[in-house]
Amino acid sequence: MNKTHPQRGVHVATFDSTKSFSEAKACCTRRRVCISAVALLVLAALATIVGLAATLGLLLHVPVNRFCAASNNRTGFLCDDGVTCVPASHVCNRIRDCRNGEDEQEKLCDDLPSSLPGYLVFHCSNPLYWIYADQRCNGMNDCGDCSDEMES
């Protein structure tokens, strides 16, 4: 077989070390099929590392702002779907209101009220008591000392 003029209909992959770098580059540019093997290896390695880190839970979790306005413009908790807004008082009530159950996650509910985001909690005048923020100013004395019904 002739390397300079290969037979028609036969696809031959050969490397001619006598070609200059610029000729090889021009060849790749014309065909638009030459992709850097190094770039592909780097991308594959990154994808593998990110996939492994995600599987092992090693990626840093950026805090998500989950504040939303539930029905009657009350304070709520935004689910992962970005649409469902659960009233504050429905968070950590042992009923999964979010599709993925993020309103009942252990890290959110393990040490109430300190494990909850501040916007979900109202601290009563008596420091031993707290209520969910959506229970404030609802016409009911939830704190027992009416501190949740007073304007602040």
N, C-alpha and C. Protein backbone atom coordinates (compact mmCIF):
# COMPACT_ATOMS: atom_id res chain seq x y z
N MET A 1 0.84 -1.17 0.00
CA MET A 1 0.00 0.00 0.00
C MET A 1 0.89 1.24 0.00
N ASN A 2 0.47 2.27 -0.67
CA ASN A 2 1.21 3.51 -0.81
C ASN A 2 0.71 4.50 0.24
N LYS A 3 1.58 4.98 1.14
CA LYS A 3 1.17 5.91 2.19
C LYS A 3 0.83 7.29 1.64
N THR A 4 1.42 7.66 0.57
CA THR A 4 1.16 8.97 -0.01
C THR A 4 -0.19 8.99 -0.71
N HIS A 5 -0.52 7.93 -1.39
CA HIS A 5 -1.79 7.82 -2.08
C HIS A 5 -2.45 6.50 -1.71
N PRO A 6 -3.19 6.48 -0.57
CA PRO A 6 -3.80 5.21 -0.17
C PRO A 6 -4.85 4.76 -1.17
N GLN A 7 -5.15 3.47 -1.12
CA GLN A 7 -6.14 2.91 -2.03
C GLN A 7 -7.50 3.53 -1.75
N ARG A 8 -8.29 3.74 -2.77
CA ARG A 8 -9.63 4.30 -2.61
C ARG A 8 -10.53 3.30 -1.91
N GLY A 9 -11.44 3.86 -1.06
CA GLY A 9 -12.40 3.00 -0.38
C GLY A 9 -11.83 2.34 0.87
N VAL A 10 -10.55 2.48 1.13
CA VAL A 10 -9.93 1.89 2.31
C VAL A 10 -9.51 3.02 3.23
N HIS A 11 -9.99 3.00 4.45
CA HIS A 11 -9.64 4.03 5.43
C HIS A 11 -8.45 3.55 6.24
N VAL A 12 -7.37 4.26 6.11
CA VAL A 12 -6.14 3.86 6.77
C VAL A 12 -5.72 4.97 7.71
N ALA A 13 -5.48 4.62 8.95
CA ALA A 13 -4.98 5.59 9.93
C ALA A 13 -3.50 5.36 10.08
N THR A 14 -2.71 6.29 9.57
CA THR A 14 -1.27 6.16 9.68
C THR A 14 -0.70 7.44 10.21
N PHE A 15 0.48 7.39 10.78
CA PHE A 15 1.16 8.58 11.26
C PHE A 15 2.47 8.68 10.51
N ASP A 16 2.63 9.78 9.84
CA ASP A 16 3.85 10.01 9.08
C ASP A 16 4.69 11.01 9.85
N SER A 17 5.77 10.54 10.44
CA SER A 17 6.61 11.39 11.28
C SER A 17 7.33 12.46 10.48
N THR A 18 7.27 12.36 9.17
CA THR A 18 7.94 13.37 8.35
C THR A 18 7.09 14.62 8.17
N LYS A 19 5.81 14.54 8.48
CA LYS A 19 4.95 15.72 8.36
C LYS A 19 5.29 16.71 9.46
N SER A 20 5.22 17.96 9.12
CA SER A 20 5.50 18.99 10.13
C SER A 20 4.27 19.18 11.01
N PHE A 21 4.48 19.83 12.12
CA PHE A 21 3.39 20.10 13.06
C PHE A 21 2.32 20.98 12.41
N SER A 22 2.74 21.96 11.64
CA SER A 22 1.77 22.87 11.00
C SER A 22 0.93 22.12 9.97
N GLU A 23 1.53 21.16 9.25
CA GLU A 23 0.76 20.36 8.30
C GLU A 23 -0.27 19.51 9.02
N ALA A 24 0.14 18.91 10.12
CA ALA A 24 -0.79 18.09 10.90
C ALA A 24 -1.92 18.94 11.47
N LYS A 25 -1.57 20.14 11.93
CA LYS A 25 -2.57 21.05 12.49
C LYS A 25 -3.56 21.47 11.41
N ALA A 26 -3.06 21.79 10.25
CA ALA A 26 -3.91 22.18 9.14
C ALA A 26 -4.84 21.04 8.75
N CYS A 27 -4.30 19.83 8.77
CA CYS A 27 -5.10 18.66 8.45
C CYS A 27 -6.25 18.51 9.44
N CYS A 28 -5.96 18.67 10.70
CA CYS A 28 -6.99 18.54 11.73
C CYS A 28 -8.02 19.64 11.62
N THR A 29 -7.59 20.85 11.33
CA THR A 29 -8.50 21.96 11.20
C THR A 29 -9.45 21.75 10.04
N ARG A 30 -8.93 21.27 8.92
CA ARG A 30 -9.76 21.05 7.73
C ARG A 30 -10.81 19.99 8.00
N ARG A 31 -10.47 18.95 8.62
CA ARG A 31 -11.40 17.84 8.83
C ARG A 31 -12.37 18.09 9.99
N ARG A 32 -12.01 18.98 10.90
CA ARG A 32 -12.83 19.30 12.08
C ARG A 32 -13.19 18.07 12.90
N VAL A 33 -12.33 17.09 12.87
CA VAL A 33 -12.57 15.89 13.64
C VAL A 33 -11.48 15.64 14.67
N CYS A 34 -10.49 16.45 14.65
CA CYS A 34 -9.36 16.24 15.55
C CYS A 34 -9.67 16.88 16.90
N ILE A 35 -9.78 16.11 17.92
CA ILE A 35 -10.04 16.60 19.27
C ILE A 35 -8.84 16.26 20.13
N SER A 36 -8.45 17.20 20.92
CA SER A 36 -7.27 17.00 21.74
C SER A 36 -7.49 15.85 22.73
N ALA A 37 -6.65 14.87 22.63
CA ALA A 37 -6.75 13.72 23.53
C ALA A 37 -6.49 14.13 24.97
N VAL A 38 -5.62 15.09 25.16
CA VAL A 38 -5.33 15.57 26.51
C VAL A 38 -6.57 16.22 27.11
N ALA A 39 -7.26 17.05 26.33
CA ALA A 39 -8.48 17.70 26.82
C ALA A 39 -9.53 16.67 27.18
N LEU A 40 -9.67 15.65 26.36
CA LEU A 40 -10.64 14.59 26.65
C LEU A 40 -10.28 13.84 27.93
N LEU A 41 -9.01 13.57 28.12
CA LEU A 41 -8.58 12.89 29.34
C LEU A 41 -8.83 13.74 30.57
N VAL A 42 -8.55 15.04 30.47
CA VAL A 42 -8.79 15.94 31.60
C VAL A 42 -10.29 16.00 31.92
N LEU A 43 -11.13 16.14 30.91
CA LEU A 43 -12.57 16.17 31.13
C LEU A 43 -13.07 14.87 31.74
N ALA A 44 -12.56 13.75 31.25
CA ALA A 44 -12.97 12.46 31.80
C ALA A 44 -12.53 12.32 33.25
N ALA A 45 -11.32 12.78 33.55
CA ALA A 45 -10.83 12.71 34.94
C ALA A 45 -11.67 13.60 35.84
N LEU A 46 -11.97 14.80 35.40
CA LEU A 46 -12.81 15.71 36.20
C LEU A 46 -14.19 15.12 36.44
N ALA A 47 -14.79 14.57 35.40
CA ALA A 47 -16.11 13.96 35.54
C ALA A 47 -16.07 12.81 36.54
N THR A 48 -15.01 12.02 36.49
CA THR A 48 -14.86 10.90 37.42
C THR A 48 -14.70 11.40 38.85
N ILE A 49 -13.88 12.43 39.04
CA ILE A 49 -13.65 12.97 40.38
C ILE A 49 -14.92 13.58 40.95
N VAL A 50 -15.62 14.39 40.14
CA VAL A 50 -16.86 15.02 40.60
C VAL A 50 -17.91 13.96 40.91
N GLY A 51 -18.03 12.97 40.04
CA GLY A 51 -18.99 11.89 40.27
C GLY A 51 -18.69 11.12 41.54
N LEU A 52 -17.42 10.83 41.77
CA LEU A 52 -17.00 10.11 42.97
C LEU A 52 -17.25 10.95 44.21
N ALA A 53 -16.90 12.23 44.14
CA ALA A 53 -17.11 13.12 45.29
C ALA A 53 -18.59 13.25 45.60
N ALA A 54 -19.42 13.36 44.59
CA ALA A 54 -20.86 13.46 44.81
C ALA A 54 -21.40 12.17 45.42
N THR A 55 -20.91 11.04 44.94
CA THR A 55 -21.34 9.76 45.48
C THR A 55 -20.96 9.63 46.96
N LEU A 56 -19.79 10.09 47.29
CA LEU A 56 -19.32 9.99 48.67
C LEU A 56 -19.78 11.15 49.54
N GLY A 57 -20.46 12.13 48.94
CA GLY A 57 -20.95 13.27 49.70
C GLY A 57 -19.85 14.21 50.15
N LEU A 58 -18.78 14.32 49.37
CA LEU A 58 -17.65 15.14 49.77
C LEU A 58 -17.74 16.57 49.26
N LEU A 59 -18.66 16.85 48.35
CA LEU A 59 -18.77 18.20 47.83
C LEU A 59 -19.32 19.12 48.91
N LEU A 60 -18.82 20.33 48.92
CA LEU A 60 -19.30 21.30 49.89
C LEU A 60 -20.74 21.66 49.55
N HIS A 61 -21.57 21.69 50.56
CA HIS A 61 -22.96 22.04 50.36
C HIS A 61 -23.13 23.52 50.62
N VAL A 62 -23.54 24.23 49.58
CA VAL A 62 -23.78 25.65 49.70
C VAL A 62 -25.14 25.83 50.36
N PRO A 63 -25.22 26.68 51.39
CA PRO A 63 -26.51 26.89 52.04
C PRO A 63 -27.53 27.41 51.03
N VAL A 64 -28.71 26.86 51.11
CA VAL A 64 -29.78 27.24 50.20
C VAL A 64 -30.76 28.13 50.96
N ASN A 65 -31.14 29.24 50.35
CA ASN A 65 -32.15 30.09 50.95
C ASN A 65 -33.51 29.46 50.71
N ARG A 66 -34.13 28.97 51.74
CA ARG A 66 -35.40 28.27 51.62
C ARG A 66 -36.58 29.11 52.10
N PHE A 67 -36.36 30.39 52.32
CA PHE A 67 -37.44 31.25 52.76
C PHE A 67 -38.44 31.45 51.62
N CYS A 68 -39.72 31.36 51.95
CA CYS A 68 -40.77 31.63 50.97
C CYS A 68 -42.02 32.09 51.72
N ALA A 69 -42.97 32.61 51.00
CA ALA A 69 -44.23 33.05 51.59
C ALA A 69 -45.29 32.00 51.28
N ALA A 70 -45.78 31.34 52.31
CA ALA A 70 -46.82 30.32 52.15
C ALA A 70 -48.18 31.00 52.07
N SER A 71 -49.24 30.22 52.16
CA SER A 71 -50.58 30.77 52.07
C SER A 71 -50.79 31.88 53.10
N ASN A 72 -51.62 32.84 52.77
CA ASN A 72 -51.91 34.00 53.61
C ASN A 72 -50.65 34.80 53.93
N ASN A 73 -49.66 34.72 53.04
CA ASN A 73 -48.41 35.47 53.18
C ASN A 73 -47.67 35.15 54.47
N ARG A 74 -47.79 33.92 54.93
CA ARG A 74 -47.10 33.47 56.14
C ARG A 74 -45.73 32.92 55.78
N THR A 75 -44.83 32.93 56.77
CA THR A 75 -43.48 32.42 56.58
C THR A 75 -43.52 30.94 56.21
N GLY A 76 -42.69 30.55 55.22
CA GLY A 76 -42.67 29.17 54.79
C GLY A 76 -41.27 28.66 54.50
N PHE A 77 -41.22 27.39 54.17
CA PHE A 77 -39.99 26.64 53.87
C PHE A 77 -40.09 26.15 52.44
N LEU A 78 -39.14 26.55 51.58
CA LEU A 78 -39.16 26.19 50.17
C LEU A 78 -38.56 24.81 49.95
N CYS A 79 -39.32 23.94 49.29
CA CYS A 79 -38.84 22.58 48.99
C CYS A 79 -37.83 22.62 47.84
N ASP A 80 -37.12 21.50 47.64
CA ASP A 80 -36.10 21.40 46.59
C ASP A 80 -36.66 21.64 45.19
N ASP A 81 -37.94 21.40 44.98
CA ASP A 81 -38.51 21.60 43.64
C ASP A 81 -38.59 23.07 43.27
N GLY A 82 -38.37 23.96 44.25
CA GLY A 82 -38.37 25.40 43.98
C GLY A 82 -39.76 25.98 43.81
N VAL A 83 -40.79 25.18 44.01
CA VAL A 83 -42.17 25.63 43.82
C VAL A 83 -42.99 25.47 45.10
N THR A 84 -42.88 24.32 45.73
CA THR A 84 -43.68 24.02 46.91
C THR A 84 -43.18 24.79 48.12
N CYS A 85 -44.09 25.54 48.74
CA CYS A 85 -43.77 26.33 49.93
C CYS A 85 -44.58 25.77 51.10
N VAL A 86 -43.89 25.15 52.03
CA VAL A 86 -44.52 24.51 53.18
C VAL A 86 -44.61 25.54 54.32
N PRO A 87 -45.78 25.71 54.94
CA PRO A 87 -45.87 26.63 56.07
C PRO A 87 -44.85 26.24 57.15
N ALA A 88 -44.29 27.24 57.82
CA ALA A 88 -43.24 27.00 58.82
C ALA A 88 -43.67 25.96 59.84
N SER A 89 -44.91 26.01 60.29
CA SER A 89 -45.38 25.08 61.33
C SER A 89 -45.53 23.65 60.82
N HIS A 90 -45.36 23.43 59.52
CA HIS A 90 -45.41 22.06 58.97
C HIS A 90 -44.02 21.46 58.82
N VAL A 91 -42.99 22.23 59.15
CA VAL A 91 -41.62 21.72 59.08
C VAL A 91 -41.34 20.95 60.37
N CYS A 92 -40.76 19.79 60.24
CA CYS A 92 -40.42 18.93 61.38
C CYS A 92 -41.65 18.50 62.18
N ASN A 93 -42.72 18.19 61.47
CA ASN A 93 -43.93 17.70 62.14
C ASN A 93 -44.15 16.21 61.88
N ARG A 94 -43.11 15.56 61.37
CA ARG A 94 -43.10 14.12 61.06
C ARG A 94 -44.00 13.74 59.89
N ILE A 95 -44.42 14.74 59.12
CA ILE A 95 -45.18 14.50 57.89
C ILE A 95 -44.40 15.12 56.74
N ARG A 96 -44.07 14.31 55.75
CA ARG A 96 -43.28 14.80 54.62
C ARG A 96 -44.17 15.61 53.69
N ASP A 97 -44.01 16.92 53.73
CA ASP A 97 -44.78 17.79 52.85
C ASP A 97 -44.04 18.05 51.54
N CYS A 98 -42.72 18.01 51.56
CA CYS A 98 -41.91 18.14 50.35
C CYS A 98 -41.78 16.76 49.71
N ARG A 99 -41.74 16.72 48.40
CA ARG A 99 -41.66 15.45 47.68
C ARG A 99 -40.48 14.61 48.13
N ASN A 100 -39.31 15.25 48.35
CA ASN A 100 -38.11 14.52 48.75
C ASN A 100 -37.92 14.47 50.26
N GLY A 101 -38.87 15.02 51.01
CA GLY A 101 -38.81 14.95 52.47
C GLY A 101 -37.81 15.90 53.11
N GLU A 102 -37.37 16.92 52.38
CA GLU A 102 -36.37 17.83 52.95
C GLU A 102 -36.91 18.63 54.14
N ASP A 103 -38.22 18.73 54.28
CA ASP A 103 -38.80 19.44 55.44
C ASP A 103 -38.76 18.58 56.70
N GLU A 104 -38.32 17.34 56.58
CA GLU A 104 -38.24 16.43 57.73
C GLU A 104 -36.83 15.84 57.89
N GLN A 105 -35.83 16.45 57.27
CA GLN A 105 -34.47 15.92 57.37
C GLN A 105 -33.97 15.97 58.80
N GLU A 106 -33.19 14.95 59.15
CA GLU A 106 -32.68 14.83 60.51
C GLU A 106 -31.86 16.05 60.94
N LYS A 107 -31.00 16.53 60.05
CA LYS A 107 -30.15 17.67 60.42
C LYS A 107 -30.97 18.93 60.64
N LEU A 108 -32.15 19.01 60.05
CA LEU A 108 -33.04 20.16 60.23
C LEU A 108 -33.86 20.02 61.50
N CYS A 109 -34.19 18.80 61.88
CA CYS A 109 -35.14 18.56 62.95
C CYS A 109 -34.54 17.97 64.22
N ASP A 110 -33.23 17.73 64.26
CA ASP A 110 -32.67 16.99 65.40
C ASP A 110 -32.57 17.78 66.70
N ASP A 111 -32.53 19.11 66.65
CA ASP A 111 -32.37 19.89 67.88
C ASP A 111 -33.22 21.16 67.78
N LEU A 112 -34.52 20.97 67.86
CA LEU A 112 -35.44 22.11 67.73
C LEU A 112 -35.36 23.01 68.95
N PRO A 113 -35.42 24.30 68.82
CA PRO A 113 -35.50 25.08 67.59
C PRO A 113 -34.14 25.47 67.02
N SER A 114 -33.04 25.14 67.72
CA SER A 114 -31.73 25.62 67.25
C SER A 114 -31.32 25.08 65.90
N SER A 115 -31.81 23.93 65.49
CA SER A 115 -31.42 23.37 64.20
C SER A 115 -32.22 23.98 63.04
N LEU A 116 -33.24 24.74 63.35
CA LEU A 116 -34.05 25.38 62.31
C LEU A 116 -33.45 26.71 61.88
N PRO A 117 -33.64 27.09 60.62
CA PRO A 117 -33.22 28.44 60.21
C PRO A 117 -33.98 29.48 61.03
N GLY A 118 -33.33 30.57 61.36
CA GLY A 118 -33.92 31.60 62.21
C GLY A 118 -35.24 32.15 61.73
N TYR A 119 -35.45 32.23 60.42
CA TYR A 119 -36.69 32.80 59.91
C TYR A 119 -37.92 31.92 60.17
N LEU A 120 -37.70 30.65 60.54
CA LEU A 120 -38.83 29.76 60.83
C LEU A 120 -39.27 29.81 62.30
N VAL A 121 -38.51 30.51 63.14
CA VAL A 121 -38.73 30.46 64.59
C VAL A 121 -39.05 31.85 65.14
N PHE A 122 -39.99 31.89 66.09
CA PHE A 122 -40.24 33.11 66.88
C PHE A 122 -40.02 32.73 68.33
N HIS A 123 -39.16 33.49 69.03
CA HIS A 123 -38.89 33.23 70.44
C HIS A 123 -39.85 34.07 71.29
N CYS A 124 -40.57 33.41 72.15
CA CYS A 124 -41.53 34.10 73.02
C CYS A 124 -40.78 34.92 74.07
N SER A 125 -41.51 35.77 74.78
CA SER A 125 -40.90 36.57 75.86
C SER A 125 -40.27 35.66 76.91
N ASN A 126 -40.93 34.58 77.23
CA ASN A 126 -40.37 33.58 78.13
C ASN A 126 -39.35 32.76 77.33
N PRO A 127 -38.08 32.84 77.66
CA PRO A 127 -37.05 32.18 76.84
C PRO A 127 -37.17 30.66 76.76
N LEU A 128 -38.01 30.07 77.58
CA LEU A 128 -38.20 28.61 77.51
C LEU A 128 -39.15 28.21 76.38
N TYR A 129 -39.86 29.17 75.78
CA TYR A 129 -40.87 28.86 74.78
C TYR A 129 -40.53 29.47 73.43
N TRP A 130 -40.94 28.78 72.42
CA TRP A 130 -40.82 29.27 71.04
C TRP A 130 -41.98 28.72 70.23
N ILE A 131 -42.25 29.38 69.13
CA ILE A 131 -43.29 28.91 68.21
C ILE A 131 -42.73 29.06 66.79
N TYR A 132 -43.42 28.44 65.85
CA TYR A 132 -43.05 28.64 64.45
C TYR A 132 -43.48 30.04 64.02
N ALA A 133 -42.70 30.63 63.15
CA ALA A 133 -42.92 32.02 62.74
C ALA A 133 -44.29 32.25 62.12
N ASP A 134 -44.88 31.25 61.48
CA ASP A 134 -46.19 31.46 60.86
C ASP A 134 -47.33 31.45 61.88
N GLN A 135 -47.02 31.14 63.14
CA GLN A 135 -48.04 31.16 64.19
C GLN A 135 -48.09 32.52 64.89
N ARG A 136 -47.17 33.38 64.55
CA ARG A 136 -47.12 34.71 65.15
C ARG A 136 -48.22 35.58 64.53
N CYS A 137 -48.86 36.37 65.38
CA CYS A 137 -49.92 37.31 64.95
C CYS A 137 -51.04 36.60 64.19
N ASN A 138 -51.43 35.42 64.68
CA ASN A 138 -52.51 34.68 64.04
C ASN A 138 -53.81 34.74 64.86
N GLY A 139 -53.84 35.62 65.90
CA GLY A 139 -55.04 35.78 66.72
C GLY A 139 -55.13 34.77 67.85
N MET A 140 -54.11 33.91 67.99
CA MET A 140 -54.12 32.90 69.06
C MET A 140 -52.90 33.11 69.95
N ASN A 141 -53.08 32.95 71.24
CA ASN A 141 -52.00 33.12 72.21
C ASN A 141 -51.18 31.83 72.26
N ASP A 142 -50.29 31.65 71.30
CA ASP A 142 -49.49 30.42 71.21
C ASP A 142 -48.36 30.39 72.22
N CYS A 143 -47.84 31.55 72.63
CA CYS A 143 -46.73 31.61 73.59
C CYS A 143 -47.22 31.49 75.03
N GLY A 144 -48.48 31.77 75.29
CA GLY A 144 -49.01 31.71 76.65
C GLY A 144 -48.88 33.03 77.39
N ASP A 145 -48.11 33.96 76.86
CA ASP A 145 -47.97 35.27 77.48
C ASP A 145 -48.34 36.39 76.51
N CYS A 146 -48.95 36.04 75.41
CA CYS A 146 -49.39 36.95 74.33
C CYS A 146 -48.25 37.65 73.63
N SER A 147 -47.01 37.28 73.88
CA SER A 147 -45.89 37.95 73.21
C SER A 147 -45.89 37.70 71.71
N ASP A 148 -46.52 36.62 71.27
CA ASP A 148 -46.57 36.34 69.82
C ASP A 148 -47.66 37.15 69.12
N GLU A 149 -48.50 37.81 69.89
CA GLU A 149 -49.58 38.61 69.29
C GLU A 149 -49.33 40.10 69.38
N MET A 150 -48.21 40.48 69.95
CA MET A 150 -47.86 41.90 70.08
C MET A 150 -47.03 42.34 68.89
N GLU A 151 -47.21 43.59 68.47
CA GLU A 151 -46.36 44.15 67.41
C GLU A 151 -44.96 44.37 67.97
N SER A 152 -43.96 44.18 67.18
CA SER A 152 -42.59 44.41 67.65
C SER A 152 -41.91 45.47 66.85
